[in-house]
Amino acid sequence: MGETTDKLKAAGNKLAGGVKEAAGKATGNADLEAKGDAQQLKGTGQDVKGSVKGALGDKI
């Protein structure tokens, strides 16, 4: 996958994770809130991966 693909997936995970986290907080569902937080963290990792690919090229 290339830089753009990783960054698009990251944005999707951050958005979906934010929605899950907010829904979990609103309903008092700690499990859903934690899953949302984890999904946002996954998105952050994908964003970093995309940035590294952009800096080094798609060779990694």
PDB file of N, CA and C in Angstrom:
ATOM      1  N   MET A   1       0.840  -1.186   0.000  1.00  0.00           N
ATOM      2  CA  MET A   1       0.000   0.000   0.000  1.00  0.00           C
ATOM      3  C   MET A   1       0.878   1.240   0.000  1.00  0.00           C
ATOM      4  N   GLY A   2       0.363   2.266  -0.572  1.00  0.00           N
ATOM      5  CA  GLY A   2       1.106   3.496  -0.639  1.00  0.00           C
ATOM      6  C   GLY A   2       0.751   4.464   0.470  1.00  0.00           C
ATOM      7  N   GLU A   3       1.421   5.563   0.454  1.00  0.00           N
ATOM      8  CA  GLU A   3       1.239   6.600   1.469  1.00  0.00           C
ATOM      9  C   GLU A   3      -0.213   7.072   1.530  1.00  0.00           C
ATOM     10  N   THR A   4      -0.792   7.368   0.383  1.00  0.00           N
ATOM     11  CA  THR A   4      -2.164   7.887   0.347  1.00  0.00           C
ATOM     12  C   THR A   4      -3.153   6.871   0.896  1.00  0.00           C
ATOM     13  N   THR A   5      -2.991   5.618   0.538  1.00  0.00           N
ATOM     14  CA  THR A   5      -3.886   4.566   1.024  1.00  0.00           C
ATOM     15  C   THR A   5      -3.822   4.466   2.534  1.00  0.00           C
ATOM     16  N   ASP A   6      -2.611   4.474   3.085  1.00  0.00           N
ATOM     17  CA  ASP A   6      -2.449   4.391   4.536  1.00  0.00           C
ATOM     18  C   ASP A   6      -3.088   5.591   5.226  1.00  0.00           C
ATOM     19  N   LYS A   7      -2.907   6.757   4.659  1.00  0.00           N
ATOM     20  CA  LYS A   7      -3.464   7.959   5.278  1.00  0.00           C
ATOM     21  C   LYS A   7      -4.996   7.986   5.196  1.00  0.00           C
ATOM     22  N   LEU A   8      -5.555   7.467   4.114  1.00  0.00           N
ATOM     23  CA  LEU A   8      -7.012   7.386   4.003  1.00  0.00           C
ATOM     24  C   LEU A   8      -7.586   6.394   5.006  1.00  0.00           C
ATOM     25  N   LYS A   9      -6.936   5.253   5.149  1.00  0.00           N
ATOM     26  CA  LYS A   9      -7.383   4.277   6.143  1.00  0.00           C
ATOM     27  C   LYS A   9      -7.258   4.859   7.550  1.00  0.00           C
ATOM     28  N   ALA A  10      -6.191   5.605   7.786  1.00  0.00           N
ATOM     29  CA  ALA A  10      -5.992   6.240   9.087  1.00  0.00           C
ATOM     30  C   ALA A  10      -7.124   7.206   9.396  1.00  0.00           C
ATOM     31  N   ALA A  11      -7.491   8.007   8.424  1.00  0.00           N
ATOM     32  CA  ALA A  11      -8.570   8.974   8.627  1.00  0.00           C
ATOM     33  C   ALA A  11      -9.877   8.260   8.939  1.00  0.00           C
ATOM     34  N   GLY A  12     -10.142   7.171   8.231  1.00  0.00           N
ATOM     35  CA  GLY A  12     -11.363   6.401   8.483  1.00  0.00           C
ATOM     36  C   GLY A  12     -11.387   5.802   9.869  1.00  0.00           C
ATOM     37  N   ASN A  13     -10.260   5.253  10.300  1.00  0.00           N
ATOM     38  CA  ASN A  13     -10.196   4.664  11.638  1.00  0.00           C
ATOM     39  C   ASN A  13     -10.304   5.725  12.731  1.00  0.00           C
ATOM     40  N   LYS A  14      -9.691   6.867  12.512  1.00  0.00           N
ATOM     41  CA  LYS A  14      -9.788   7.936  13.503  1.00  0.00           C
ATOM     42  C   LYS A  14     -11.230   8.425  13.628  1.00  0.00           C
ATOM     43  N   LEU A  15     -11.896   8.589  12.499  1.00  0.00           N
ATOM     44  CA  LEU A  15     -13.284   9.053  12.501  1.00  0.00           C
ATOM     45  C   LEU A  15     -14.208   8.031  13.162  1.00  0.00           C
ATOM     46  N   ALA A  16     -14.113   6.782  12.722  1.00  0.00           N
ATOM     47  CA  ALA A  16     -14.968   5.737  13.284  1.00  0.00           C
ATOM     48  C   ALA A  16     -14.689   5.539  14.772  1.00  0.00           C
ATOM     49  N   GLY A  17     -13.423   5.597  15.132  1.00  0.00           N
ATOM     50  CA  GLY A  17     -13.066   5.451  16.539  1.00  0.00           C
ATOM     51  C   GLY A  17     -13.614   6.579  17.385  1.00  0.00           C
ATOM     52  N   GLY A  18     -13.588   7.781  16.852  1.00  0.00           N
ATOM     53  CA  GLY A  18     -14.134   8.929  17.575  1.00  0.00           C
ATOM     54  C   GLY A  18     -15.632   8.795  17.794  1.00  0.00           C
ATOM     55  N   VAL A  19     -16.324   8.287  16.787  1.00  0.00           N
ATOM     56  CA  VAL A  19     -17.771   8.082  16.907  1.00  0.00           C
ATOM     57  C   VAL A  19     -18.060   7.013  17.963  1.00  0.00           C
ATOM     58  N   LYS A  20     -17.312   5.917  17.908  1.00  0.00           N
ATOM     59  CA  LYS A  20     -17.507   4.843  18.893  1.00  0.00           C
ATOM     60  C   LYS A  20     -17.217   5.335  20.304  1.00  0.00           C
ATOM     61  N   GLU A  21     -16.134   6.073  20.449  1.00  0.00           N
ATOM     62  CA  GLU A  21     -15.770   6.574  21.773  1.00  0.00           C
ATOM     63  C   GLU A  21     -16.851   7.509  22.310  1.00  0.00           C
ATOM     64  N   ALA A  22     -17.340   8.403  21.468  1.00  0.00           N
ATOM     65  CA  ALA A  22     -18.381   9.337  21.897  1.00  0.00           C
ATOM     66  C   ALA A  22     -19.672   8.600  22.241  1.00  0.00           C
ATOM     67  N   ALA A  23     -20.024   7.607  21.439  1.00  0.00           N
ATOM     68  CA  ALA A  23     -21.231   6.822  21.722  1.00  0.00           C
ATOM     69  C   ALA A  23     -21.083   6.062  23.035  1.00  0.00           C
ATOM     70  N   GLY A  24     -19.900   5.534  23.259  1.00  0.00           N
ATOM     71  CA  GLY A  24     -19.637   4.826  24.509  1.00  0.00           C
ATOM     72  C   GLY A  24     -19.756   5.739  25.721  1.00  0.00           C
ATOM     73  N   LYS A  25     -19.216   6.940  25.600  1.00  0.00           N
ATOM     74  CA  LYS A  25     -19.315   7.910  26.697  1.00  0.00           C
ATOM     75  C   LYS A  25     -20.764   8.310  26.932  1.00  0.00           C
ATOM     76  N   ALA A  26     -21.500   8.543  25.859  1.00  0.00           N
ATOM     77  CA  ALA A  26     -22.882   9.002  25.967  1.00  0.00           C
ATOM     78  C   ALA A  26     -23.793   7.950  26.589  1.00  0.00           C
ATOM     79  N   THR A  27     -23.506   6.683  26.322  1.00  0.00           N
ATOM     80  CA  THR A  27     -24.362   5.610  26.822  1.00  0.00           C
ATOM     81  C   THR A  27     -23.808   4.944  28.072  1.00  0.00           C
ATOM     82  N   GLY A  28     -22.625   5.350  28.497  1.00  0.00           N
ATOM     83  CA  GLY A  28     -22.007   4.729  29.670  1.00  0.00           C
ATOM     84  C   GLY A  28     -21.446   3.350  29.373  1.00  0.00           C
ATOM     85  N   ASN A  29     -21.176   3.075  28.113  1.00  0.00           N
ATOM     86  CA  ASN A  29     -20.651   1.783  27.695  1.00  0.00           C
ATOM     87  C   ASN A  29     -19.125   1.878  27.622  1.00  0.00           C
ATOM     88  N   ALA A  30     -18.467   1.451  28.691  1.00  0.00           N
ATOM     89  CA  ALA A  30     -17.006   1.559  28.768  1.00  0.00           C
ATOM     90  C   ALA A  30     -16.313   0.702  27.712  1.00  0.00           C
ATOM     91  N   ASP A  31     -16.909  -0.444  27.369  1.00  0.00           N
ATOM     92  CA  ASP A  31     -16.310  -1.328  26.364  1.00  0.00           C
ATOM     93  C   ASP A  31     -16.282  -0.647  24.997  1.00  0.00           C
ATOM     94  N   LEU A  32     -17.396  -0.039  24.600  1.00  0.00           N
ATOM     95  CA  LEU A  32     -17.461   0.658  23.316  1.00  0.00           C
ATOM     96  C   LEU A  32     -16.517   1.857  23.309  1.00  0.00           C
ATOM     97  N   GLU A  33     -16.450   2.558  24.416  1.00  0.00           N
ATOM     98  CA  GLU A  33     -15.541   3.703  24.529  1.00  0.00           C
ATOM     99  C   GLU A  33     -14.094   3.255  24.351  1.00  0.00           C
ATOM    100  N   ALA A  34     -13.727   2.135  24.963  1.00  0.00           N
ATOM    101  CA  ALA A  34     -12.360   1.613  24.850  1.00  0.00           C
ATOM    102  C   ALA A  34     -12.059   1.151  23.425  1.00  0.00           C
ATOM    103  N   LYS A  35     -13.050   0.520  22.793  1.00  0.00           N
ATOM    104  CA  LYS A  35     -12.854   0.084  21.405  1.00  0.00           C
ATOM    105  C   LYS A  35     -12.649   1.282  20.485  1.00  0.00           C
ATOM    106  N   GLY A  36     -13.388   2.348  20.729  1.00  0.00           N
ATOM    107  CA  GLY A  36     -13.222   3.562  19.936  1.00  0.00           C
ATOM    108  C   GLY A  36     -11.854   4.174  20.122  1.00  0.00           C
ATOM    109  N   ASP A  37     -11.400   4.195  21.359  1.00  0.00           N
ATOM    110  CA  ASP A  37     -10.077   4.740  21.657  1.00  0.00           C
ATOM    111  C   ASP A  37      -8.994   3.912  20.968  1.00  0.00           C
ATOM    112  N   ALA A  38      -9.151   2.594  21.001  1.00  0.00           N
ATOM    113  CA  ALA A  38      -8.180   1.705  20.355  1.00  0.00           C
ATOM    114  C   ALA A  38      -8.179   1.901  18.841  1.00  0.00           C
ATOM    115  N   GLN A  39      -9.355   2.093  18.269  1.00  0.00           N
ATOM    116  CA  GLN A  39      -9.436   2.289  16.816  1.00  0.00           C
ATOM    117  C   GLN A  39      -8.791   3.608  16.407  1.00  0.00           C
ATOM    118  N   GLN A  40      -8.936   4.631  17.241  1.00  0.00           N
ATOM    119  CA  GLN A  40      -8.273   5.902  16.957  1.00  0.00           C
ATOM    120  C   GLN A  40      -6.762   5.739  17.021  1.00  0.00           C
ATOM    121  N   LEU A  41      -6.294   4.963  17.983  1.00  0.00           N
ATOM    122  CA  LEU A  41      -4.862   4.710  18.114  1.00  0.00           C
ATOM    123  C   LEU A  41      -4.340   3.959  16.890  1.00  0.00           C
ATOM    124  N   LYS A  42      -5.129   2.997  16.404  1.00  0.00           N
ATOM    125  CA  LYS A  42      -4.762   2.276  15.182  1.00  0.00           C
ATOM    126  C   LYS A  42      -4.645   3.261  14.017  1.00  0.00           C
ATOM    127  N   GLY A  43      -5.570   4.193  13.925  1.00  0.00           N
ATOM    128  CA  GLY A  43      -5.531   5.202  12.876  1.00  0.00           C
ATOM    129  C   GLY A  43      -4.293   6.072  12.962  1.00  0.00           C
ATOM    130  N   THR A  44      -3.909   6.418  14.169  1.00  0.00           N
ATOM    131  CA  THR A  44      -2.702   7.222  14.366  1.00  0.00           C
ATOM    132  C   THR A  44      -1.477   6.447  13.876  1.00  0.00           C
ATOM    133  N   GLY A  45      -1.435   5.159  14.184  1.00  0.00           N
ATOM    134  CA  GLY A  45      -0.327   4.321  13.710  1.00  0.00           C
ATOM    135  C   GLY A  45      -0.280   4.244  12.195  1.00  0.00           C
ATOM    136  N   GLN A  46      -1.449   4.120  11.574  1.00  0.00           N
ATOM    137  CA  GLN A  46      -1.502   4.076  10.116  1.00  0.00           C
ATOM    138  C   GLN A  46      -1.048   5.408   9.521  1.00  0.00           C
ATOM    139  N   ASP A  47      -1.392   6.495  10.181  1.00  0.00           N
ATOM    140  CA  ASP A  47      -0.991   7.815   9.710  1.00  0.00           C
ATOM    141  C   ASP A  47       0.531   7.955   9.751  1.00  0.00           C
ATOM    142  N   VAL A  48       1.128   7.488  10.826  1.00  0.00           N
ATOM    143  CA  VAL A  48       2.590   7.529  10.950  1.00  0.00           C
ATOM    144  C   VAL A  48       3.222   6.658   9.872  1.00  0.00           C
ATOM    145  N   LYS A  49       2.650   5.487   9.670  1.00  0.00           N
ATOM    146  CA  LYS A  49       3.167   4.577   8.638  1.00  0.00           C
ATOM    147  C   LYS A  49       3.120   5.248   7.265  1.00  0.00           C
ATOM    148  N   GLY A  50       2.032   5.925   6.968  1.00  0.00           N
ATOM    149  CA  GLY A  50       1.912   6.633   5.697  1.00  0.00           C
ATOM    150  C   GLY A  50       2.929   7.745   5.566  1.00  0.00           C
ATOM    151  N   SER A  51       3.165   8.459   6.661  1.00  0.00           N
ATOM    152  CA  SER A  51       4.151   9.542   6.637  1.00  0.00           C
ATOM    153  C   SER A  51       5.556   9.007   6.388  1.00  0.00           C
ATOM    154  N   VAL A  52       5.872   7.875   7.012  1.00  0.00           N
ATOM    155  CA  VAL A  52       7.188   7.259   6.809  1.00  0.00           C
ATOM    156  C   VAL A  52       7.330   6.824   5.357  1.00  0.00           C
ATOM    157  N   LYS A  53       6.271   6.228   4.814  1.00  0.00           N
ATOM    158  CA  LYS A  53       6.326   5.818   3.413  1.00  0.00           C
ATOM    159  C   LYS A  53       6.519   7.035   2.511  1.00  0.00           C
ATOM    160  N   GLY A  54       5.893   8.143   2.849  1.00  0.00           N
ATOM    161  CA  GLY A  54       6.045   9.344   2.064  1.00  0.00           C
ATOM    162  C   GLY A  54       7.468   9.877   2.114  1.00  0.00           C
ATOM    163  N   ALA A  55       8.077   9.774   3.289  1.00  0.00           N
ATOM    164  CA  ALA A  55       9.444  10.268   3.450  1.00  0.00           C
ATOM    165  C   ALA A  55      10.470   9.355   2.793  1.00  0.00           C
ATOM    166  N   LEU A  56      10.242   8.039   2.881  1.00  0.00           N
ATOM    167  CA  LEU A  56      11.208   7.084   2.367  1.00  0.00           C
ATOM    168  C   LEU A  56      10.839   6.496   1.014  1.00  0.00           C
ATOM    169  N   GLY A  57       9.664   6.800   0.576  1.00  0.00           N
ATOM    170  CA  GLY A  57       9.177   6.173  -0.646  1.00  0.00           C
ATOM    171  C   GLY A  57       8.434   4.908  -0.278  1.00  0.00           C
ATOM    172  N   ASP A  58       7.796   4.285  -1.217  1.00  0.00           N
ATOM    173  CA  ASP A  58       7.006   3.074  -0.959  1.00  0.00           C
ATOM    174  C   ASP A  58       7.857   1.821  -0.888  1.00  0.00           C
ATOM    175  N   LYS A  59       9.134   1.961  -0.615  1.00  0.00           N
ATOM    176  CA  LYS A  59      10.040   0.815  -0.599  1.00  0.00           C
ATOM    177  C   LYS A  59       9.942  -0.005   0.668  1.00  0.00           C
ATOM    178  N   ILE A  60       9.285   0.527   1.690  1.00  0.00           N
ATOM    179  CA  ILE A  60       9.214  -0.223   2.948  1.00  0.00           C
ATOM    180  C   ILE A  60       7.951  -1.028   3.039  1.00  0.00           C
TER     181      ILE A  60
END
